[in-house]
Amino acid sequence: MSGRKRKADDDLPRDSEDRMSTSPSNSPSTGNRSLPHPIAQPTKRLRTNVSGHALALPRLLETLDADSMRSLLKTICDRHPNIGAEVVSTAPRPSVQSALSVLGNYERALQASFPFGNRHTSDYAYNRVRSPLSELLEALKDYTPHFLPPHESQTSVSLDYLDGVTNIIHGLPNWDNYQHNRHKAEAYEEISRAWALVIREAAKRGGGIQLQYGGWDQKLVGHNEQSGRKMEDAVQEMRKSLGWLGNQTGDSNAGSGAGQGEGMSVREQLLAGTYGSNLPVHVGPW
């Protein structure tokens, strides 16, 4: 007989010990606590079939810049004239600011094409910039009719556009070769006829009263001087519509009283209170 004392556990059968260790009911703390419930995870629908495909139209248009968009739209309109007609009728009318901004881009492209270290009026420079110069002149021819009557009925809009475009023409180079200057001379001739048309149509409405606002007479005279008097047709039309224009140069500072009134514009006479001072006074029955 061994001298080691036997423990109570030694008397238990092996199967009884296994049941006590595996049965949760035998744990003294199990009955007094609740087991945590698992948190439900949201289920996601996974794409069962992944394959490449083209972008949807809205996403495709997001990737196009302005030049690419214009090129795409022009191609579609060329292929489908009915779509082009709908675009023309639906698109907002170009404003003077937007048109002059586009023409300004053509003007900057022209200036950037001049070669370095060479006179900008030489034949070599002309050959270098002939392409952007032609593009600018063609754009002027295309945009100008849009702002002329009868398509444009507001005289102020037409005059604002013509004023800005005439300044662009002033900036065209004066070439050493006389033959190359025909482009600028033709541009002055066309823009002078455009001025004359707007002035003539404005004179039909309210006796040309719209021409008296904004100092358009002085602006036109200034353009004519800067062009080397290549806009005489427009000045003559202004003089015809507003008979006092011929007295604007040189006579406004001469004389006093009636003479001073004749040398001033109607608008200036009204502001100065001298309008009508040189008119005869009728006495008796009319």
Protein backbone atom coordinates (compact mmCIF):
# COMPACT_ATOMS: atom_id res chain seq x y z
CA MET A 1 0.00 0.00 0.00
CA SER A 2 1.41 3.29 -1.04
CA GLY A 3 2.13 6.00 1.50
CA ARG A 4 0.58 8.74 -0.79
CA LYS A 5 -2.87 9.89 0.27
CA ARG A 6 -5.60 9.47 -2.19
CA LYS A 7 -7.57 12.53 -3.30
CA ALA A 8 -11.30 12.52 -3.76
CA ASP A 9 -10.81 13.15 -7.47
CA ASP A 10 -8.99 9.92 -7.84
CA ASP A 11 -12.14 7.99 -6.87
CA LEU A 12 -14.28 9.56 -9.62
CA PRO A 13 -14.67 7.61 -12.83
CA ARG A 14 -13.02 9.12 -15.96
CA ASP A 15 -16.34 9.48 -17.87
CA SER A 16 -17.87 11.40 -14.98
CA GLU A 17 -14.95 13.85 -15.06
CA ASP A 18 -15.36 14.43 -18.79
CA ARG A 19 -19.05 15.20 -18.37
CA MET A 20 -18.38 17.79 -15.70
CA SER A 21 -15.82 19.59 -17.82
CA THR A 22 -17.90 19.67 -20.98
CA SER A 23 -21.39 20.29 -19.64
CA PRO A 24 -22.19 24.06 -19.34
CA SER A 25 -24.88 23.31 -16.77
CA ASN A 26 -22.23 22.21 -14.30
CA SER A 27 -20.57 25.65 -14.35
CA PRO A 28 -21.73 27.60 -11.31
CA SER A 29 -21.80 30.95 -13.11
CA THR A 30 -23.44 29.90 -16.38
CA GLY A 31 -26.98 30.01 -15.17
CA ASN A 32 -26.65 33.56 -13.89
CA ARG A 33 -25.31 35.27 -17.07
CA SER A 34 -26.59 35.63 -20.64
CA LEU A 35 -24.46 34.96 -23.65
CA PRO A 36 -23.80 37.95 -26.00
CA HIS A 37 -25.78 37.99 -29.21
CA PRO A 38 -23.73 38.31 -32.40
CA ILE A 39 -24.00 41.72 -34.19
CA ALA A 40 -25.71 41.45 -37.53
CA GLN A 41 -23.40 42.60 -40.33
CA PRO A 42 -24.91 44.47 -43.31
CA THR A 43 -24.94 42.40 -46.40
CA LYS A 44 -23.58 43.84 -49.69
CA ARG A 45 -24.58 42.70 -53.09
CA LEU A 46 -21.40 41.78 -54.82
CA ARG A 47 -21.09 41.90 -58.56
CA THR A 48 -21.09 38.36 -59.63
CA ASN A 49 -19.89 39.14 -63.15
CA VAL A 50 -17.12 41.78 -63.47
CA SER A 51 -16.24 42.82 -67.01
CA GLY A 52 -15.13 45.94 -68.87
CA HIS A 53 -17.63 48.26 -70.53
CA ALA A 54 -17.75 51.77 -71.99
CA LEU A 55 -18.46 54.85 -69.87
CA ALA A 56 -22.01 56.12 -69.68
CA LEU A 57 -22.63 59.32 -71.63
CA PRO A 58 -22.67 61.68 -68.59
CA ARG A 59 -19.33 60.28 -67.37
CA LEU A 60 -17.86 60.46 -70.84
CA LEU A 61 -18.81 64.12 -71.24
CA GLU A 62 -17.16 64.89 -67.90
CA THR A 63 -13.80 63.92 -69.35
CA LEU A 64 -13.97 66.28 -72.36
CA ASP A 65 -12.42 69.73 -72.28
CA ALA A 66 -13.96 72.70 -74.10
CA ASP A 67 -12.04 72.18 -77.34
CA SER A 68 -12.86 68.48 -77.47
CA MET A 69 -16.51 69.20 -76.73
CA ARG A 70 -16.70 71.77 -79.55
CA SER A 71 -15.01 69.39 -81.96
CA LEU A 72 -17.38 66.56 -81.04
CA LEU A 73 -20.45 68.75 -81.33
CA LYS A 74 -19.33 70.14 -84.69
CA THR A 75 -18.76 66.64 -86.04
CA ILE A 76 -22.24 65.52 -84.95
CA CYS A 77 -23.85 68.62 -86.45
CA ASP A 78 -22.02 68.11 -89.74
CA ARG A 79 -23.28 64.53 -89.94
CA HIS A 80 -26.82 65.43 -88.88
CA PRO A 81 -27.89 68.88 -90.19
CA ASN A 82 -31.20 68.69 -88.31
CA ILE A 83 -29.28 68.52 -85.02
CA GLY A 84 -27.18 71.49 -86.12
CA ALA A 85 -30.31 73.52 -86.81
CA GLU A 86 -31.67 72.65 -83.38
CA VAL A 87 -28.42 73.70 -81.72
CA VAL A 88 -28.52 77.05 -83.54
CA SER A 89 -32.12 77.68 -82.46
CA THR A 90 -31.59 76.50 -78.88
CA ALA A 91 -28.17 77.93 -77.96
CA PRO A 92 -28.16 81.32 -76.19
CA ARG A 93 -27.24 84.34 -78.31
CA PRO A 94 -23.57 85.27 -78.08
CA SER A 95 -22.99 88.45 -76.12
CA VAL A 96 -20.63 91.25 -77.11
CA GLN A 97 -18.29 90.24 -74.28
CA SER A 98 -18.16 86.58 -75.32
CA ALA A 99 -17.59 87.42 -78.99
CA LEU A 100 -14.83 89.92 -78.21
CA SER A 101 -13.26 87.37 -75.85
CA VAL A 102 -13.06 84.80 -78.66
CA LEU A 103 -11.66 87.38 -81.07
CA GLY A 104 -9.16 88.36 -78.40
CA ASN A 105 -7.93 84.77 -78.31
CA TYR A 106 -7.32 84.90 -82.05
CA GLU A 107 -5.51 88.20 -81.60
CA ARG A 108 -3.25 86.76 -78.89
CA ALA A 109 -2.51 83.73 -81.06
CA LEU A 110 -1.42 86.12 -83.81
CA GLN A 111 0.88 88.04 -81.49
CA ALA A 112 2.40 84.83 -80.16
CA SER A 113 3.28 83.70 -83.68
CA PHE A 114 5.71 86.54 -84.40
CA PRO A 115 9.33 85.38 -84.56
CA PHE A 116 11.85 86.55 -82.00
CA GLY A 117 14.68 88.84 -82.97
CA ASN A 118 13.09 90.06 -86.19
CA ARG A 119 11.10 93.10 -87.21
CA HIS A 120 7.40 92.44 -86.91
CA THR A 121 6.72 94.25 -90.17
CA SER A 122 9.13 92.29 -92.38
CA ASP A 123 8.23 89.78 -95.09
CA TYR A 124 9.70 87.00 -92.96
CA ALA A 125 7.42 87.92 -90.07
CA TYR A 126 4.43 88.10 -92.40
CA ASN A 127 5.06 84.58 -93.68
CA ARG A 128 5.33 83.31 -90.12
CA VAL A 129 2.02 84.81 -88.97
CA ARG A 130 0.01 84.52 -92.18
CA SER A 131 -2.04 81.55 -90.94
CA PRO A 132 -3.17 83.04 -87.56
CA LEU A 133 -3.71 86.39 -89.29
CA SER A 134 -6.05 84.74 -91.77
CA GLU A 135 -7.91 82.99 -88.94
CA LEU A 136 -8.44 86.29 -87.13
CA LEU A 137 -9.71 88.05 -90.24
CA GLU A 138 -12.09 85.18 -91.03
CA ALA A 139 -13.43 85.26 -87.48
CA LEU A 140 -14.06 89.01 -87.82
CA LYS A 141 -16.05 88.41 -91.00
CA ASP A 142 -18.10 85.67 -89.36
CA TYR A 143 -18.92 87.41 -86.09
CA THR A 144 -19.69 90.91 -87.39
CA PRO A 145 -22.98 90.16 -89.23
CA HIS A 146 -24.39 88.64 -86.04
CA PHE A 147 -24.32 92.08 -84.39
CA LEU A 148 -25.73 94.06 -87.31
CA PRO A 149 -29.36 94.91 -88.11
CA PRO A 150 -31.81 93.47 -88.79
CA HIS A 151 -30.47 90.47 -86.85
CA GLU A 152 -29.48 92.73 -83.94
CA SER A 153 -32.14 95.31 -83.17
CA GLN A 154 -30.44 97.13 -80.28
CA THR A 155 -28.24 99.93 -81.51
CA SER A 156 -26.19 100.05 -78.31
CA VAL A 157 -25.24 96.37 -78.69
CA SER A 158 -24.16 96.87 -82.30
CA LEU A 159 -22.11 99.96 -81.48
CA ASP A 160 -20.40 98.29 -78.51
CA TYR A 161 -19.34 95.40 -80.71
CA LEU A 162 -18.15 97.62 -83.57
CA ASP A 163 -16.15 99.76 -81.16
CA GLY A 164 -14.32 96.71 -79.78
CA VAL A 165 -13.71 95.12 -83.17
CA THR A 166 -12.40 98.37 -84.66
CA ASN A 167 -9.80 98.49 -81.89
CA ILE A 168 -8.69 94.98 -82.87
CA ILE A 169 -8.24 96.11 -86.47
CA HIS A 170 -6.18 99.07 -85.29
CA GLY A 171 -3.77 96.57 -83.73
CA LEU A 172 -3.08 94.70 -86.97
CA PRO A 173 0.49 95.21 -88.23
CA ASN A 174 1.42 97.72 -90.93
CA TRP A 175 3.72 95.63 -93.13
CA ASP A 176 6.75 96.85 -95.01
CA ASN A 177 5.36 95.28 -98.17
CA TYR A 178 2.44 97.34 -99.41
CA GLN A 179 0.73 94.27 -100.87
CA HIS A 180 0.48 92.66 -97.44
CA ASN A 181 -1.43 95.66 -96.09
CA ARG A 182 -4.46 94.89 -98.24
CA HIS A 183 -5.85 92.69 -95.45
CA LYS A 184 -6.00 95.56 -93.00
CA ALA A 185 -7.33 97.98 -95.63
CA GLU A 186 -10.14 95.55 -96.51
CA ALA A 187 -10.94 95.07 -92.84
CA TYR A 188 -11.30 98.85 -92.40
CA GLU A 189 -13.52 99.03 -95.46
CA GLU A 190 -15.85 96.30 -94.21
CA ILE A 191 -16.06 97.63 -90.68
CA SER A 192 -16.74 101.15 -92.00
CA ARG A 193 -19.71 99.82 -93.97
CA ALA A 194 -20.91 98.06 -90.81
CA TRP A 195 -20.75 101.33 -88.85
CA ALA A 196 -22.65 103.12 -91.62
CA LEU A 197 -25.39 100.47 -91.61
CA VAL A 198 -25.91 100.69 -87.85
CA ILE A 199 -25.95 104.50 -87.93
CA ARG A 200 -28.40 104.55 -90.82
CA GLU A 201 -30.80 102.15 -89.12
CA ALA A 202 -30.51 103.97 -85.79
CA ALA A 203 -31.38 107.28 -87.50
CA LYS A 204 -34.71 105.79 -88.57
CA ARG A 205 -35.70 105.27 -84.93
CA GLY A 206 -36.28 108.42 -82.94
CA GLY A 207 -34.37 110.65 -85.32
CA GLY A 208 -31.07 109.03 -84.29
CA ILE A 209 -31.45 110.04 -80.64
CA GLN A 210 -29.62 106.86 -79.59
CA LEU A 211 -26.49 108.05 -81.36
CA GLN A 212 -26.28 111.05 -79.04
CA TYR A 213 -25.62 108.92 -75.99
CA GLY A 214 -22.22 107.51 -75.15
CA GLY A 215 -20.30 109.96 -77.32
CA TRP A 216 -20.44 107.73 -80.38
CA ASP A 217 -19.76 110.65 -82.69
CA GLN A 218 -16.45 111.35 -80.97
CA LYS A 219 -15.54 107.66 -80.87
CA LEU A 220 -16.17 107.28 -84.57
CA VAL A 221 -14.14 110.37 -85.39
CA GLY A 222 -11.30 108.96 -83.29
CA HIS A 223 -11.47 105.61 -85.08
CA ASN A 224 -11.39 107.38 -88.44
CA GLU A 225 -8.31 109.37 -87.48
CA GLN A 226 -6.51 106.28 -86.16
CA SER A 227 -7.30 104.35 -89.34
CA GLY A 228 -5.78 107.01 -91.54
CA ARG A 229 -9.23 108.23 -92.60
CA LYS A 230 -10.20 104.85 -94.01
CA MET A 231 -13.61 105.06 -92.31
CA GLU A 232 -14.88 108.17 -94.04
CA ASP A 233 -18.03 106.40 -95.22
CA ALA A 234 -19.13 105.83 -91.64
CA VAL A 235 -18.28 109.42 -90.67
CA GLN A 236 -20.28 110.77 -93.59
CA GLU A 237 -23.26 108.64 -92.56
CA MET A 238 -22.99 109.97 -89.02
CA ARG A 239 -22.78 113.53 -90.33
CA LYS A 240 -25.85 112.94 -92.45
CA SER A 241 -27.82 111.49 -89.54
CA LEU A 242 -26.68 114.14 -87.07
CA GLY A 243 -26.11 117.29 -89.08
CA TRP A 244 -24.08 118.96 -86.36
CA LEU A 245 -21.22 116.48 -86.60
CA GLY A 246 -19.51 118.49 -89.31
CA ASN A 247 -19.07 121.37 -86.86
CA GLN A 248 -17.50 119.22 -84.14
CA THR A 249 -13.89 119.77 -85.22
CA GLY A 250 -12.46 123.22 -84.86
CA ASP A 251 -15.66 125.24 -84.55
CA SER A 252 -16.76 124.30 -81.05
CA ASN A 253 -14.27 126.67 -79.44
CA ALA A 254 -14.82 129.61 -81.81
CA GLY A 255 -17.34 132.42 -81.36
CA SER A 256 -20.00 132.82 -78.72
CA GLY A 257 -23.76 132.96 -78.55
CA ALA A 258 -25.26 131.62 -81.77
CA GLY A 259 -21.87 130.69 -83.20
CA GLN A 260 -21.00 128.70 -80.11
CA GLY A 261 -24.36 126.94 -80.23
CA GLU A 262 -23.78 125.85 -83.82
CA GLY A 263 -20.40 124.35 -82.93
CA MET A 264 -21.85 122.28 -80.11
CA SER A 265 -23.78 119.07 -80.38
CA VAL A 266 -27.49 119.10 -79.70
CA ARG A 267 -26.87 117.19 -76.48
CA GLU A 268 -24.25 119.71 -75.34
CA GLN A 269 -26.52 122.63 -76.25
CA LEU A 270 -29.33 121.16 -74.19
CA LEU A 271 -27.04 120.69 -71.20
CA ALA A 272 -25.62 124.21 -71.57
CA GLY A 273 -29.05 125.79 -71.97
CA THR A 274 -28.15 127.41 -75.32
CA TYR A 275 -30.21 125.19 -77.62
CA GLY A 276 -32.51 127.28 -79.83
CA SER A 277 -30.80 130.60 -79.09
CA ASN A 278 -29.94 131.06 -82.77
CA LEU A 279 -33.39 130.15 -84.10
CA PRO A 280 -35.65 132.93 -85.45
CA VAL A 281 -38.66 133.96 -83.38
CA HIS A 282 -41.97 133.83 -85.20
CA VAL A 283 -44.49 136.60 -84.48
CA GLY A 284 -48.13 136.50 -85.44
CA PRO A 285 -50.23 133.61 -86.65
CA TRP A 286 -48.39 130.35 -87.51
